[in-house]
Amino acid sequence: MKTLMKGNEAIGEAAICAGCQAYFGYPITPQTEVLEYMSRRMPEVGRVFVQAESELGAINMVYGAACTGARVMTTTSSPGYSLMQEGISYIAMSFVPCVLVNVMRGGPGLGNIQPSQGDYFQMTKGGGHGDYNTIVLAPSTVQETVDLVVEAFDLADKYCQPVAIIADGMIGQIMEPVEFPEIKEPVRPKRPWALTGAKGRPKNIITSLFLSPETMEQKVLRLLDIVAQIRVTEVRYAEYMLEGAEIVVVAYGTAGRIAQTAVKQARAEGIPVGLFRPISMFPFPYDRLAAQVGLARDVLVVEMSAGQMKEDVQLAVCGRAPVSFYGKLGGLVPLPEDILAEIKRLV
């Protein structure tokens, strides 16, 4: 059965369906409705909700709860995600699973509360200090957000790593009909590392502090092995009208959704254009995009930023075709007619 629901609230319900046992968060627009929703729903289903004193407190509560083997999540918006970076790097190096959601807003600085995609670098290039990456998934609709949140918990368990959802204020605030999976106990891998009390067994120690450089190197190499596996097995993307496309539009999230309308309009006017929408922003679908650009004469990147994803697109295209860019900043959202105009300019 479909339910009309705001994106932020759908994030919360999706987490509950996925078996989220504890949620820790702090209010920040435009994701505060997740916190409000979870404050009601988590106690209803007998699970843990805590409003932390800050984003720093929230991510470290996530860290502690994740060490017990529980399914845990936090949500925030751009400046809040910046504050969480140290904790996220601890979690990655400690090899424990959790789910993170960033509903992006305008920046840098405090910015504003409008939708943006300016956190791409922070989300996809590690964010915190050291050598690590997290899986980053970008939905373009509320339904896709629900599906990816559920999947994120499974991926976190699979790799014992944090998994992030990169959304924006538009997805968080829009209302759409969605369907949720049945709430049931998830099938999870065994967690012998979890801190569940050491009665009758040797104690477990979970830490990200390794003072010996030789030990630290081995731990980082273990982490990089996981990242290498993720690069191969967790690539996700969507394609639209790419058959015979001479112009390939590349966009993700809300920008990808709007670009799809522009591509449909352009095709109706006889313009051979298609859309490539990355869903896994890390790992970025370099190989698939390179294959789709093989016969194209132009690539147009559309973002609600100054062109951060453009760098990854250029790496994928590798000079096979010129890469143009159209972006909106400050929380402004491109319109289909804006993108259509850029497509026609390339024609």
Foldseek 3Di string as FASTA:
>chain_A
DWDWDFLLLLLLVLCQLLQQQEEEEEDDPPNNVVLVNCVPVNVVVPGYYDHDPALCRRLVVVQVVQLQVGEYEYEDEDVSVLNCLVSQVWQLLLLTFYEYEYAYAADDPSFDRFWFDACLCCQAVRNHDDDAHAWEFEDAASQVSSVVSSVQSQVCQVRSHYHYYYAHSVRRGDIDIYDHDGRDDDDGDDDPQHQPDQVPHDGHDGTNDDPDPVVNVVSVVVRVVSLVVCLPPVWDKDKFQLVQAQEEEEEEHNLQVQQNVLVVVVVVVVHRYMYIYTGGSVVYPLQVLCVSNQNHAEYEYEGQHPQPCVVVSCVSVVPNHYYHYDYHHSNDHDHSVVVNVVSVVVD
